[in-house]
Amino acid sequence: KTPSDDRLIINNLSSEALEVETLKKTGSPKNLPSPAFDIVALTASADGLNALSCILSDLPSELPAALVIVQHLAPNYPSVLDKILNRRTALEVIQAAEGCKLSPGKVFIAPPNYHLLVNPDGSLSLSQTAKVHFVRPSAEILFESVAESYKDRALAVVLTGGDRDGSTGVRAIKKMGGKVIAQDEATSKIWGMPLAAIQTGCVDWVLPLDKIAGAIANLVIQGRI
């Protein structure tokens, strides 16, 4: 499958100056109630850089949950997605590596050409098993591992993108008691992935892009939107 222009931009964008918005910081983790969700798994493809930037820039710096991301990337180029997003959020964004440990308030991104899996002990694994829906990393692999490891403490988010990646994974999230958000059609550049997730009947909320960060924060901290 030929990588989209969006994927190539994410891979090759140089370290040009990027505007950073002033972010309102919350109190320290000890002042927050116990989180309702321990992990938020997100996936995006076409226009994913914009969608992820919008969400991460609006999340509180002390969000008491870890975030893991599968963004479809061109497989043969090094990625600077973590560097780009670090300039747009108060959260720490890291390209995942084998054995990394999840930590609240940190964001881990699947590297190009590797599936990302979350283990029950909170560590991360990388795999080069077969592509799923013609892509590696795939949201199916991530979501299924998150569902198995975190069960009802998992929140999945399906953002703009083509094809059906994530549609099997959201079934696993829902089966284990987790919750699912999908981006709405009006704010998606391509509505294939969110629509496929919605058609499973496993999506709890369909939201415009600018409402998703608030929903994530409320669900993690309060257990409700």
N, C-alpha and C. Protein backbone atom coordinates (compact mmCIF):
# COMPACT_ATOMS: atom_id res chain seq x y z
N LYS A 1 0.85 -1.20 0.00
CA LYS A 1 0.00 0.00 0.00
C LYS A 1 0.88 1.24 0.00
N THR A 2 0.60 2.16 -0.87
CA THR A 2 1.42 3.37 -0.97
C THR A 2 1.12 4.31 0.19
N PRO A 3 2.14 4.76 0.94
CA PRO A 3 1.89 5.66 2.06
C PRO A 3 1.25 6.96 1.58
N SER A 4 0.34 7.48 2.38
CA SER A 4 -0.30 8.75 2.03
C SER A 4 0.66 9.90 2.24
N ASP A 5 0.34 11.04 1.63
CA ASP A 5 1.17 12.23 1.83
C ASP A 5 1.24 12.57 3.30
N ASP A 6 0.13 12.36 4.03
CA ASP A 6 0.09 12.68 5.45
C ASP A 6 1.15 11.89 6.21
N ARG A 7 1.27 10.61 5.89
CA ARG A 7 2.26 9.77 6.57
C ARG A 7 3.68 10.27 6.28
N LEU A 8 3.93 10.63 5.04
CA LEU A 8 5.27 11.08 4.67
C LEU A 8 5.61 12.40 5.36
N ILE A 9 4.63 13.27 5.48
CA ILE A 9 4.87 14.55 6.17
C ILE A 9 5.27 14.29 7.61
N ILE A 10 4.56 13.38 8.28
CA ILE A 10 4.86 13.08 9.68
C ILE A 10 6.26 12.50 9.81
N ASN A 11 6.65 11.65 8.88
CA ASN A 11 7.98 11.05 8.95
C ASN A 11 9.10 12.04 8.68
N ASN A 12 8.90 12.94 7.74
CA ASN A 12 10.02 13.73 7.22
C ASN A 12 10.07 15.18 7.68
N LEU A 13 9.05 15.62 8.41
CA LEU A 13 9.02 17.02 8.83
C LEU A 13 10.25 17.34 9.66
N SER A 14 10.95 18.39 9.29
CA SER A 14 12.16 18.77 10.02
C SER A 14 11.80 19.47 11.31
N SER A 15 12.81 19.76 12.10
CA SER A 15 12.58 20.37 13.42
C SER A 15 12.40 21.87 13.28
N GLU A 16 11.44 22.26 12.45
CA GLU A 16 11.16 23.68 12.27
C GLU A 16 10.45 24.22 13.50
N ALA A 17 10.47 25.52 13.65
CA ALA A 17 9.81 26.12 14.81
C ALA A 17 8.32 25.86 14.74
N LEU A 18 7.76 25.36 15.83
CA LEU A 18 6.34 25.06 15.90
C LEU A 18 5.75 25.82 17.07
N GLU A 19 4.63 26.45 16.81
CA GLU A 19 4.01 27.27 17.85
C GLU A 19 3.50 26.40 18.98
N VAL A 20 3.79 26.80 20.20
CA VAL A 20 3.35 26.06 21.37
C VAL A 20 2.34 26.91 22.12
N GLU A 21 1.16 26.38 22.33
CA GLU A 21 0.15 27.11 23.06
C GLU A 21 0.44 27.04 24.55
N THR A 22 0.04 28.06 25.28
CA THR A 22 0.16 28.04 26.73
C THR A 22 -0.86 27.05 27.26
N LEU A 23 -0.37 26.10 28.06
CA LEU A 23 -1.24 25.03 28.55
C LEU A 23 -1.53 25.23 30.03
N LYS A 24 -2.76 25.13 30.37
CA LYS A 24 -3.16 25.25 31.77
C LYS A 24 -2.83 23.96 32.49
N LYS A 25 -2.05 24.05 33.56
CA LYS A 25 -1.63 22.86 34.28
C LYS A 25 -2.56 22.59 35.46
N THR A 26 -2.76 21.32 35.74
CA THR A 26 -3.59 20.93 36.87
C THR A 26 -2.70 20.75 38.09
N GLY A 27 -3.32 20.34 39.17
CA GLY A 27 -2.56 20.05 40.38
C GLY A 27 -1.76 18.78 40.22
N SER A 28 -1.01 18.42 41.23
CA SER A 28 -0.18 17.23 41.18
C SER A 28 -1.05 15.99 41.28
N PRO A 29 -0.52 14.81 40.86
CA PRO A 29 -1.31 13.59 40.87
C PRO A 29 -1.91 13.26 42.23
N LYS A 30 -1.21 13.58 43.32
CA LYS A 30 -1.72 13.22 44.65
C LYS A 30 -3.01 13.97 44.99
N ASN A 31 -3.29 15.06 44.30
CA ASN A 31 -4.51 15.81 44.55
C ASN A 31 -5.68 15.34 43.69
N LEU A 32 -5.43 14.39 42.81
CA LEU A 32 -6.47 13.90 41.92
C LEU A 32 -7.04 12.60 42.48
N PRO A 33 -8.33 12.32 42.23
CA PRO A 33 -8.90 11.04 42.65
C PRO A 33 -8.27 9.90 41.88
N SER A 34 -8.46 8.67 42.37
CA SER A 34 -7.94 7.51 41.65
C SER A 34 -8.57 7.48 40.27
N PRO A 35 -7.77 7.28 39.22
CA PRO A 35 -8.32 7.32 37.86
C PRO A 35 -9.30 6.19 37.60
N ALA A 36 -10.29 6.46 36.77
CA ALA A 36 -11.24 5.42 36.37
C ALA A 36 -10.67 4.56 35.26
N PHE A 37 -9.72 5.12 34.49
CA PHE A 37 -9.04 4.39 33.42
C PHE A 37 -7.54 4.58 33.59
N ASP A 38 -6.79 3.50 33.40
CA ASP A 38 -5.34 3.56 33.55
C ASP A 38 -4.62 3.79 32.23
N ILE A 39 -5.30 3.54 31.12
CA ILE A 39 -4.65 3.64 29.82
C ILE A 39 -5.64 4.14 28.77
N VAL A 40 -5.13 4.99 27.87
CA VAL A 40 -5.91 5.49 26.74
C VAL A 40 -5.15 5.10 25.48
N ALA A 41 -5.78 4.31 24.61
CA ALA A 41 -5.15 3.88 23.36
C ALA A 41 -5.82 4.60 22.20
N LEU A 42 -5.02 5.29 21.39
CA LEU A 42 -5.56 6.07 20.27
C LEU A 42 -4.98 5.56 18.95
N THR A 43 -5.77 5.68 17.90
CA THR A 43 -5.27 5.36 16.57
C THR A 43 -5.76 6.39 15.56
N ALA A 44 -4.93 6.66 14.56
CA ALA A 44 -5.24 7.64 13.52
C ALA A 44 -4.47 7.28 12.26
N SER A 45 -4.95 7.79 11.13
CA SER A 45 -4.23 7.63 9.86
C SER A 45 -4.23 8.97 9.14
N ALA A 46 -5.04 9.11 8.09
CA ALA A 46 -5.06 10.36 7.33
C ALA A 46 -5.45 11.54 8.21
N ASP A 47 -4.64 12.60 8.17
CA ASP A 47 -4.82 13.80 9.00
C ASP A 47 -4.59 13.51 10.48
N GLY A 48 -3.90 12.42 10.76
CA GLY A 48 -3.66 12.04 12.15
C GLY A 48 -2.82 13.03 12.92
N LEU A 49 -1.85 13.67 12.26
CA LEU A 49 -1.02 14.64 12.96
C LEU A 49 -1.87 15.77 13.53
N ASN A 50 -2.78 16.28 12.73
CA ASN A 50 -3.67 17.34 13.20
C ASN A 50 -4.56 16.86 14.34
N ALA A 51 -5.15 15.69 14.18
CA ALA A 51 -6.06 15.17 15.20
C ALA A 51 -5.34 14.92 16.51
N LEU A 52 -4.18 14.29 16.45
CA LEU A 52 -3.42 14.01 17.67
C LEU A 52 -2.93 15.29 18.32
N SER A 53 -2.49 16.25 17.51
CA SER A 53 -2.04 17.53 18.06
C SER A 53 -3.17 18.23 18.80
N CYS A 54 -4.35 18.22 18.21
CA CYS A 54 -5.51 18.86 18.83
C CYS A 54 -5.83 18.23 20.18
N ILE A 55 -5.82 16.92 20.23
CA ILE A 55 -6.17 16.22 21.48
C ILE A 55 -5.09 16.38 22.53
N LEU A 56 -3.85 16.10 22.18
CA LEU A 56 -2.78 16.15 23.18
C LEU A 56 -2.55 17.55 23.72
N SER A 57 -2.73 18.57 22.88
CA SER A 57 -2.51 19.94 23.34
C SER A 57 -3.56 20.37 24.37
N ASP A 58 -4.70 19.71 24.38
CA ASP A 58 -5.77 20.08 25.30
C ASP A 58 -5.85 19.20 26.54
N LEU A 59 -5.01 18.20 26.65
CA LEU A 59 -5.03 17.33 27.83
C LEU A 59 -4.22 17.95 28.96
N PRO A 60 -4.65 17.76 30.21
CA PRO A 60 -3.91 18.31 31.35
C PRO A 60 -2.56 17.62 31.51
N SER A 61 -1.58 18.36 31.96
CA SER A 61 -0.22 17.83 32.06
C SER A 61 -0.11 16.69 33.07
N GLU A 62 -0.99 16.66 34.04
CA GLU A 62 -0.93 15.62 35.08
C GLU A 62 -2.02 14.57 34.89
N LEU A 63 -2.39 14.29 33.66
CA LEU A 63 -3.39 13.26 33.40
C LEU A 63 -2.94 11.94 34.05
N PRO A 64 -3.76 11.35 34.93
CA PRO A 64 -3.32 10.17 35.67
C PRO A 64 -3.52 8.86 34.91
N ALA A 65 -3.20 8.86 33.63
CA ALA A 65 -3.27 7.66 32.81
C ALA A 65 -2.19 7.74 31.75
N ALA A 66 -1.71 6.59 31.30
CA ALA A 66 -0.76 6.54 30.20
C ALA A 66 -1.52 6.53 28.88
N LEU A 67 -0.88 7.05 27.83
CA LEU A 67 -1.46 7.04 26.50
C LEU A 67 -0.55 6.27 25.55
N VAL A 68 -1.16 5.47 24.68
CA VAL A 68 -0.41 4.73 23.66
C VAL A 68 -1.07 5.02 22.32
N ILE A 69 -0.24 5.21 21.29
CA ILE A 69 -0.76 5.68 20.00
C ILE A 69 -0.23 4.83 18.85
N VAL A 70 -1.13 4.44 17.98
CA VAL A 70 -0.76 3.92 16.66
C VAL A 70 -1.20 4.94 15.62
N GLN A 71 -0.22 5.55 14.96
CA GLN A 71 -0.44 6.44 13.82
C GLN A 71 0.19 5.74 12.62
N HIS A 72 -0.56 5.56 11.56
CA HIS A 72 -0.01 4.90 10.38
C HIS A 72 1.10 5.77 9.79
N LEU A 73 2.27 5.17 9.63
CA LEU A 73 3.47 5.89 9.18
C LEU A 73 4.10 5.17 8.00
N ALA A 74 4.81 5.93 7.18
CA ALA A 74 5.60 5.31 6.11
C ALA A 74 6.66 4.42 6.74
N PRO A 75 6.74 3.13 6.35
CA PRO A 75 7.58 2.18 7.07
C PRO A 75 9.08 2.35 6.88
N ASN A 76 9.51 3.01 5.81
CA ASN A 76 10.94 3.03 5.49
C ASN A 76 11.64 4.34 5.80
N TYR A 77 11.00 5.16 6.62
CA TYR A 77 11.59 6.44 7.00
C TYR A 77 11.58 6.57 8.52
N PRO A 78 12.62 7.16 9.10
CA PRO A 78 12.58 7.42 10.55
C PRO A 78 11.48 8.42 10.87
N SER A 79 10.86 8.26 12.03
CA SER A 79 9.76 9.13 12.41
C SER A 79 10.22 10.20 13.39
N VAL A 80 9.69 11.41 13.23
CA VAL A 80 9.91 12.48 14.20
C VAL A 80 8.57 12.90 14.81
N LEU A 81 7.58 12.01 14.73
CA LEU A 81 6.26 12.33 15.27
C LEU A 81 6.34 12.66 16.76
N ASP A 82 7.15 11.93 17.50
CA ASP A 82 7.27 12.22 18.94
C ASP A 82 7.81 13.62 19.18
N LYS A 83 8.77 14.04 18.38
CA LYS A 83 9.36 15.38 18.54
C LYS A 83 8.35 16.47 18.20
N ILE A 84 7.59 16.24 17.14
CA ILE A 84 6.57 17.22 16.75
C ILE A 84 5.53 17.37 17.86
N LEU A 85 5.01 16.25 18.33
CA LEU A 85 3.96 16.31 19.34
C LEU A 85 4.45 16.83 20.67
N ASN A 86 5.72 16.59 21.00
CA ASN A 86 6.27 17.13 22.25
C ASN A 86 6.19 18.64 22.29
N ARG A 87 6.23 19.28 21.13
CA ARG A 87 6.17 20.74 21.07
C ARG A 87 4.75 21.26 21.13
N ARG A 88 3.80 20.35 21.12
CA ARG A 88 2.39 20.76 21.07
C ARG A 88 1.60 20.32 22.30
N THR A 89 2.26 19.77 23.28
CA THR A 89 1.56 19.26 24.45
C THR A 89 2.43 19.40 25.69
N ALA A 90 1.77 19.48 26.84
CA ALA A 90 2.49 19.50 28.11
C ALA A 90 2.84 18.10 28.58
N LEU A 91 2.30 17.08 27.92
CA LEU A 91 2.62 15.70 28.23
C LEU A 91 3.96 15.33 27.59
N GLU A 92 4.64 14.34 28.16
CA GLU A 92 5.88 13.85 27.56
C GLU A 92 5.56 12.80 26.52
N VAL A 93 6.05 12.99 25.30
CA VAL A 93 5.78 12.07 24.19
C VAL A 93 7.06 11.31 23.85
N ILE A 94 6.95 10.00 23.78
CA ILE A 94 8.11 9.12 23.60
C ILE A 94 7.83 8.12 22.48
N GLN A 95 8.81 7.88 21.61
CA GLN A 95 8.67 6.77 20.67
C GLN A 95 8.92 5.48 21.43
N ALA A 96 7.97 4.57 21.37
CA ALA A 96 8.04 3.34 22.16
C ALA A 96 9.24 2.49 21.75
N ALA A 97 9.81 1.82 22.75
CA ALA A 97 10.89 0.87 22.53
C ALA A 97 10.58 -0.40 23.32
N GLU A 98 11.17 -1.49 22.92
CA GLU A 98 10.96 -2.76 23.60
C GLU A 98 11.28 -2.62 25.09
N GLY A 99 10.33 -3.04 25.94
CA GLY A 99 10.56 -3.04 27.38
C GLY A 99 10.23 -1.75 28.09
N CYS A 100 9.86 -0.69 27.35
CA CYS A 100 9.44 0.56 28.00
C CYS A 100 8.32 0.29 28.99
N LYS A 101 8.30 1.03 30.09
CA LYS A 101 7.24 0.90 31.09
C LYS A 101 6.27 2.07 30.97
N LEU A 102 5.00 1.77 30.95
CA LEU A 102 3.99 2.82 30.92
C LEU A 102 4.04 3.64 32.20
N SER A 103 3.69 4.91 32.07
CA SER A 103 3.68 5.82 33.22
C SER A 103 2.58 6.85 33.01
N PRO A 104 1.82 7.19 34.05
CA PRO A 104 0.77 8.20 33.90
C PRO A 104 1.33 9.52 33.38
N GLY A 105 0.58 10.15 32.49
CA GLY A 105 1.00 11.44 31.95
C GLY A 105 2.02 11.35 30.84
N LYS A 106 2.37 10.14 30.41
CA LYS A 106 3.31 9.98 29.31
C LYS A 106 2.61 9.35 28.11
N VAL A 107 3.10 9.70 26.92
CA VAL A 107 2.50 9.26 25.67
C VAL A 107 3.53 8.42 24.92
N PHE A 108 3.16 7.21 24.53
CA PHE A 108 4.07 6.31 23.83
C PHE A 108 3.53 6.04 22.42
N ILE A 109 4.38 6.27 21.41
CA ILE A 109 3.97 6.15 20.01
C ILE A 109 4.65 4.94 19.37
N ALA A 110 3.89 4.15 18.65
CA ALA A 110 4.47 3.01 17.93
C ALA A 110 5.45 3.51 16.87
N PRO A 111 6.65 2.92 16.80
CA PRO A 111 7.60 3.32 15.75
C PRO A 111 7.18 2.78 14.39
N PRO A 112 7.71 3.36 13.31
CA PRO A 112 7.36 2.87 11.97
C PRO A 112 7.69 1.39 11.80
N ASN A 113 6.78 0.66 11.15
CA ASN A 113 6.99 -0.72 10.75
C ASN A 113 7.02 -1.72 11.91
N TYR A 114 6.52 -1.32 13.08
CA TYR A 114 6.44 -2.23 14.23
C TYR A 114 5.04 -2.16 14.84
N HIS A 115 4.47 -3.32 15.11
CA HIS A 115 3.26 -3.35 15.92
C HIS A 115 3.64 -3.03 17.37
N LEU A 116 2.75 -2.36 18.07
CA LEU A 116 2.95 -2.02 19.48
C LEU A 116 1.97 -2.81 20.33
N LEU A 117 2.49 -3.48 21.36
CA LEU A 117 1.66 -4.27 22.27
C LEU A 117 1.91 -3.82 23.70
N VAL A 118 0.85 -3.86 24.50
CA VAL A 118 0.93 -3.53 25.92
C VAL A 118 0.77 -4.81 26.73
N ASN A 119 1.68 -5.05 27.65
CA ASN A 119 1.68 -6.26 28.46
C ASN A 119 1.01 -6.02 29.81
N PRO A 120 0.54 -7.09 30.48
CA PRO A 120 -0.15 -6.93 31.77
C PRO A 120 0.68 -6.25 32.85
N ASP A 121 2.01 -6.33 32.76
CA ASP A 121 2.86 -5.67 33.77
C ASP A 121 3.13 -4.20 33.45
N GLY A 122 2.47 -3.68 32.40
CA GLY A 122 2.66 -2.28 32.04
C GLY A 122 3.86 -2.02 31.15
N SER A 123 4.51 -3.07 30.69
CA SER A 123 5.63 -2.90 29.76
C SER A 123 5.13 -2.96 28.32
N LEU A 124 5.96 -2.49 27.40
CA LEU A 124 5.61 -2.47 25.99
C LEU A 124 6.46 -3.46 25.21
N SER A 125 5.87 -4.04 24.20
CA SER A 125 6.59 -4.93 23.29
C SER A 125 6.39 -4.46 21.86
N LEU A 126 7.40 -4.69 21.03
CA LEU A 126 7.33 -4.38 19.60
C LEU A 126 7.38 -5.68 18.81
N SER A 127 6.66 -5.71 17.70
CA SER A 127 6.61 -6.92 16.89
C SER A 127 6.59 -6.57 15.42
N GLN A 128 7.23 -7.42 14.61
CA GLN A 128 7.16 -7.28 13.16
C GLN A 128 6.41 -8.45 12.53
N THR A 129 5.41 -8.95 13.24
CA THR A 129 4.52 -9.95 12.66
C THR A 129 3.77 -9.32 11.48
N ALA A 130 3.01 -10.13 10.78
CA ALA A 130 2.38 -9.71 9.52
C ALA A 130 1.55 -8.44 9.68
N LYS A 131 1.50 -7.66 8.60
CA LYS A 131 0.67 -6.46 8.58
C LYS A 131 -0.80 -6.85 8.76
N VAL A 132 -1.56 -5.94 9.34
CA VAL A 132 -3.01 -6.10 9.50
C VAL A 132 -3.67 -4.94 8.76
N HIS A 133 -4.64 -5.22 7.91
CA HIS A 133 -5.25 -4.18 7.06
C HIS A 133 -4.16 -3.44 6.26
N PHE A 134 -3.13 -4.16 5.85
CA PHE A 134 -2.04 -3.62 5.04
C PHE A 134 -1.13 -2.65 5.80
N VAL A 135 -1.24 -2.58 7.11
CA VAL A 135 -0.43 -1.62 7.87
C VAL A 135 0.28 -2.30 9.04
N ARG A 136 1.40 -1.74 9.38
CA ARG A 136 2.17 -2.09 10.57
C ARG A 136 2.90 -0.83 11.01
N PRO A 137 2.53 -0.23 12.13
CA PRO A 137 1.69 -0.76 13.21
C PRO A 137 0.21 -0.75 12.88
N SER A 138 -0.52 -1.63 13.55
CA SER A 138 -1.97 -1.71 13.40
C SER A 138 -2.66 -1.48 14.74
N ALA A 139 -3.78 -0.77 14.68
CA ALA A 139 -4.57 -0.54 15.89
C ALA A 139 -5.17 -1.84 16.43
N GLU A 140 -5.42 -2.81 15.55
CA GLU A 140 -5.99 -4.07 16.02
C GLU A 140 -5.07 -4.72 17.05
N ILE A 141 -3.80 -4.78 16.73
CA ILE A 141 -2.82 -5.41 17.62
C ILE A 141 -2.74 -4.64 18.94
N LEU A 142 -2.67 -3.32 18.85
CA LEU A 142 -2.59 -2.50 20.06
C LEU A 142 -3.84 -2.66 20.91
N PHE A 143 -5.01 -2.46 20.32
CA PHE A 143 -6.26 -2.50 21.09
C PHE A 143 -6.47 -3.86 21.74
N GLU A 144 -6.20 -4.93 21.01
CA GLU A 144 -6.40 -6.27 21.57
C GLU A 144 -5.48 -6.51 22.76
N SER A 145 -4.24 -6.05 22.68
CA SER A 145 -3.33 -6.23 23.82
C SER A 145 -3.73 -5.36 25.00
N VAL A 146 -4.21 -4.15 24.72
CA VAL A 146 -4.67 -3.26 25.78
C VAL A 146 -5.90 -3.85 26.47
N ALA A 147 -6.83 -4.39 25.69
CA ALA A 147 -8.03 -5.01 26.26
C ALA A 147 -7.66 -6.18 27.16
N GLU A 148 -6.75 -7.02 26.70
CA GLU A 148 -6.34 -8.19 27.48
C GLU A 148 -5.61 -7.78 28.76
N SER A 149 -4.81 -6.74 28.68
CA SER A 149 -3.97 -6.34 29.82
C SER A 149 -4.68 -5.45 30.82
N TYR A 150 -5.58 -4.58 30.34
CA TYR A 150 -6.20 -3.58 31.23
C TYR A 150 -7.71 -3.72 31.39
N LYS A 151 -8.32 -4.57 30.60
CA LYS A 151 -9.74 -4.90 30.75
C LYS A 151 -10.63 -3.65 30.87
N ASP A 152 -11.39 -3.51 31.98
CA ASP A 152 -12.32 -2.39 32.08
C ASP A 152 -11.65 -1.08 32.47
N ARG A 153 -10.32 -1.10 32.57
CA ARG A 153 -9.57 0.12 32.88
C ARG A 153 -9.00 0.75 31.61
N ALA A 154 -9.50 0.30 30.44
CA ALA A 154 -8.97 0.76 29.15
C ALA A 154 -9.98 1.62 28.41
N LEU A 155 -9.47 2.69 27.80
CA LEU A 155 -10.26 3.59 26.95
C LEU A 155 -9.60 3.63 25.58
N ALA A 156 -10.38 3.38 24.52
CA ALA A 156 -9.85 3.42 23.15
C ALA A 156 -10.48 4.57 22.39
N VAL A 157 -9.68 5.18 21.49
CA VAL A 157 -10.14 6.33 20.70
C VAL A 157 -9.76 6.09 19.24
N VAL A 158 -10.75 6.11 18.35
CA VAL A 158 -10.52 5.89 16.92
C VAL A 158 -10.72 7.23 16.20
N LEU A 159 -9.64 7.69 15.58
CA LEU A 159 -9.64 9.00 14.93
C LEU A 159 -9.64 8.86 13.41
N THR A 160 -9.63 9.98 12.73
CA THR A 160 -9.69 10.07 11.28
C THR A 160 -8.73 9.09 10.58
N GLY A 161 -9.20 8.50 9.50
CA GLY A 161 -8.37 7.58 8.74
C GLY A 161 -9.21 6.69 7.85
N GLY A 162 -8.58 6.13 6.81
CA GLY A 162 -9.28 5.25 5.89
C GLY A 162 -9.21 3.80 6.34
N ASP A 163 -9.87 2.93 5.59
CA ASP A 163 -9.91 1.50 5.85
C ASP A 163 -10.65 1.19 7.16
N ARG A 164 -10.30 0.05 7.79
CA ARG A 164 -11.06 -0.44 8.93
C ARG A 164 -10.19 -0.70 10.15
N ASP A 165 -8.98 -0.21 10.16
CA ASP A 165 -8.08 -0.53 11.27
C ASP A 165 -8.69 -0.08 12.59
N GLY A 166 -8.69 -0.97 13.56
CA GLY A 166 -9.27 -0.70 14.87
C GLY A 166 -10.64 -1.30 15.08
N SER A 167 -11.31 -1.72 14.01
CA SER A 167 -12.69 -2.20 14.14
C SER A 167 -12.79 -3.54 14.86
N THR A 168 -11.79 -4.39 14.72
CA THR A 168 -11.75 -5.63 15.50
C THR A 168 -11.30 -5.34 16.93
N GLY A 169 -10.35 -4.44 17.05
CA GLY A 169 -9.82 -4.10 18.37
C GLY A 169 -10.84 -3.49 19.30
N VAL A 170 -11.76 -2.66 18.77
CA VAL A 170 -12.77 -2.06 19.65
C VAL A 170 -13.72 -3.12 20.19
N ARG A 171 -13.93 -4.19 19.44
CA ARG A 171 -14.75 -5.29 19.96
C ARG A 171 -14.08 -5.91 21.19
N ALA A 172 -12.76 -6.06 21.11
CA ALA A 172 -12.02 -6.62 22.25
C ALA A 172 -12.08 -5.69 23.45
N ILE A 173 -11.91 -4.38 23.20
CA ILE A 173 -12.00 -3.40 24.29
C ILE A 173 -13.36 -3.50 24.97
N LYS A 174 -14.42 -3.51 24.18
CA LYS A 174 -15.78 -3.55 24.72
C LYS A 174 -16.06 -4.86 25.44
N LYS A 175 -15.61 -5.96 24.88
CA LYS A 175 -15.84 -7.28 25.49
C LYS A 175 -15.24 -7.36 26.88
N MET A 176 -14.10 -6.69 27.09
CA MET A 176 -13.42 -6.74 28.39
C MET A 176 -13.89 -5.64 29.33
N GLY A 177 -14.90 -4.86 28.92
CA GLY A 177 -15.48 -3.86 29.82
C GLY A 177 -14.96 -2.45 29.64
N GLY A 178 -14.09 -2.22 28.65
CA GLY A 178 -13.57 -0.88 28.40
C GLY A 178 -14.56 -0.02 27.64
N LYS A 179 -14.15 1.21 27.34
CA LYS A 179 -15.01 2.17 26.65
C LYS A 179 -14.32 2.65 25.37
N VAL A 180 -15.14 3.12 24.41
CA VAL A 180 -14.62 3.51 23.09
C VAL A 180 -15.21 4.84 22.66
N ILE A 181 -14.34 5.72 22.15
CA ILE A 181 -14.73 6.99 21.55
C ILE A 181 -14.35 6.94 20.07
N ALA A 182 -15.20 7.48 19.21
CA ALA A 182 -14.88 7.62 17.78
C ALA A 182 -15.08 9.07 17.36
N GLN A 183 -14.22 9.55 16.48
CA GLN A 183 -14.35 10.90 15.94
C GLN A 183 -15.54 10.97 14.98
N ASP A 184 -16.24 12.10 14.99
CA ASP A 184 -17.42 12.22 14.13
C ASP A 184 -17.04 12.48 12.67
N GLU A 185 -18.02 12.34 11.80
CA GLU A 185 -17.77 12.49 10.36
C GLU A 185 -17.40 13.92 9.99
N ALA A 186 -18.05 14.89 10.61
CA ALA A 186 -17.86 16.29 10.23
C ALA A 186 -16.43 16.76 10.43
N THR A 187 -15.74 16.24 11.45
CA THR A 187 -14.38 16.71 11.74
C THR A 187 -13.30 15.73 11.28
N SER A 188 -13.69 14.64 10.64
CA SER A 188 -12.72 13.66 10.13
C SER A 188 -12.39 13.96 8.67
N LYS A 189 -11.10 13.94 8.34
CA LYS A 189 -10.71 14.10 6.93
C LYS A 189 -11.19 12.90 6.12
N ILE A 190 -11.00 11.71 6.67
CA ILE A 190 -11.52 10.48 6.09
C ILE A 190 -12.20 9.72 7.23
N TRP A 191 -13.44 9.32 7.03
CA TRP A 191 -14.23 8.76 8.13
C TRP A 191 -14.25 7.24 8.13
N GLY A 192 -13.35 6.62 7.38
CA GLY A 192 -13.37 5.16 7.26
C GLY A 192 -13.16 4.44 8.58
N MET A 193 -12.09 4.76 9.29
CA MET A 193 -11.79 4.06 10.54
C MET A 193 -12.83 4.32 11.62
N PRO A 194 -13.20 5.58 11.88
CA PRO A 194 -14.25 5.80 12.88
C PRO A 194 -15.58 5.12 12.51
N LEU A 195 -15.95 5.21 11.24
CA LEU A 195 -17.22 4.60 10.81
C LEU A 195 -17.19 3.09 11.01
N ALA A 196 -16.09 2.45 10.64
CA ALA A 196 -15.98 1.00 10.81
C ALA A 196 -16.11 0.62 12.28
N ALA A 197 -15.52 1.42 13.16
CA ALA A 197 -15.64 1.16 14.60
C ALA A 197 -17.09 1.33 15.05
N ILE A 198 -17.73 2.40 14.59
CA ILE A 198 -19.13 2.66 14.97
C ILE A 198 -20.04 1.53 14.50
N GLN A 199 -19.78 1.01 13.31
CA GLN A 199 -20.63 -0.05 12.76
C GLN A 199 -20.55 -1.36 13.54
N THR A 200 -19.55 -1.52 14.39
CA THR A 200 -19.48 -2.71 15.24
C THR A 200 -20.48 -2.66 16.38
N GLY A 201 -21.01 -1.48 16.68
CA GLY A 201 -21.89 -1.33 17.83
C GLY A 201 -21.16 -1.23 19.15
N CYS A 202 -19.85 -1.09 19.09
CA CYS A 202 -19.03 -1.07 20.30
C CYS A 202 -18.54 0.32 20.70
N VAL A 203 -18.96 1.34 19.98
CA VAL A 203 -18.53 2.72 20.29
C VAL A 203 -19.53 3.34 21.26
N ASP A 204 -19.00 3.91 22.35
CA ASP A 204 -19.85 4.52 23.37
C ASP A 204 -20.18 5.97 23.07
N TRP A 205 -19.22 6.70 22.47
CA TRP A 205 -19.44 8.11 22.17
C TRP A 205 -18.85 8.46 20.81
N VAL A 206 -19.61 9.19 20.00
CA VAL A 206 -19.12 9.75 18.73
C VAL A 206 -19.03 11.25 18.94
N LEU A 207 -17.81 11.80 18.86
CA LEU A 207 -17.59 13.19 19.26
C LEU A 207 -16.81 13.96 18.19
N PRO A 208 -17.05 15.28 18.09
CA PRO A 208 -16.19 16.12 17.24
C PRO A 208 -14.80 16.20 17.83
N LEU A 209 -13.82 16.45 16.98
CA LEU A 209 -12.43 16.44 17.40
C LEU A 209 -12.17 17.34 18.60
N ASP A 210 -12.75 18.54 18.61
CA ASP A 210 -12.44 19.48 19.68
C ASP A 210 -13.08 19.13 21.02
N LYS A 211 -13.88 18.06 21.07
CA LYS A 211 -14.49 17.62 22.32
C LYS A 211 -13.83 16.36 22.89
N ILE A 212 -12.93 15.76 22.12
CA ILE A 212 -12.40 14.46 22.52
C ILE A 212 -11.44 14.58 23.70
N ALA A 213 -10.57 15.58 23.72
CA ALA A 213 -9.63 15.73 24.84
C ALA A 213 -10.38 15.91 26.15
N GLY A 214 -11.40 16.76 26.16
CA GLY A 214 -12.18 16.96 27.37
C GLY A 214 -12.86 15.69 27.83
N ALA A 215 -13.36 14.91 26.86
CA ALA A 215 -13.99 13.64 27.20
C ALA A 215 -12.99 12.67 27.81
N ILE A 216 -11.79 12.59 27.23
CA ILE A 216 -10.76 11.71 27.77
C ILE A 216 -10.42 12.11 29.21
N ALA A 217 -10.17 13.39 29.43
CA ALA A 217 -9.80 13.86 30.77
C ALA A 217 -10.91 13.57 31.77
N ASN A 218 -12.15 13.85 31.41
CA ASN A 218 -13.26 13.60 32.33
C ASN A 218 -13.44 12.12 32.62
N LEU A 219 -13.32 11.29 31.60
CA LEU A 219 -13.47 9.85 31.80
C LEU A 219 -12.36 9.29 32.68
N VAL A 220 -11.13 9.70 32.42
CA VAL A 220 -10.01 9.20 33.22
C VAL A 220 -10.13 9.66 34.67
N ILE A 221 -10.41 10.93 34.88
CA ILE A 221 -10.39 11.50 36.23
C ILE A 221 -11.69 11.25 37.00
N GLN A 222 -12.83 11.35 36.30
CA GLN A 222 -14.12 11.27 36.98
C GLN A 222 -14.93 10.02 36.63
N GLY A 223 -14.53 9.32 35.58
CA GLY A 223 -15.28 8.14 35.17
C GLY A 223 -16.50 8.44 34.34
N ARG A 224 -16.67 9.70 33.93
CA ARG A 224 -17.82 10.09 33.11
C ARG A 224 -17.45 11.31 32.27
N ILE A 225 -18.22 11.55 31.23
CA ILE A 225 -18.00 12.73 30.38
C ILE A 225 -18.69 13.93 31.00
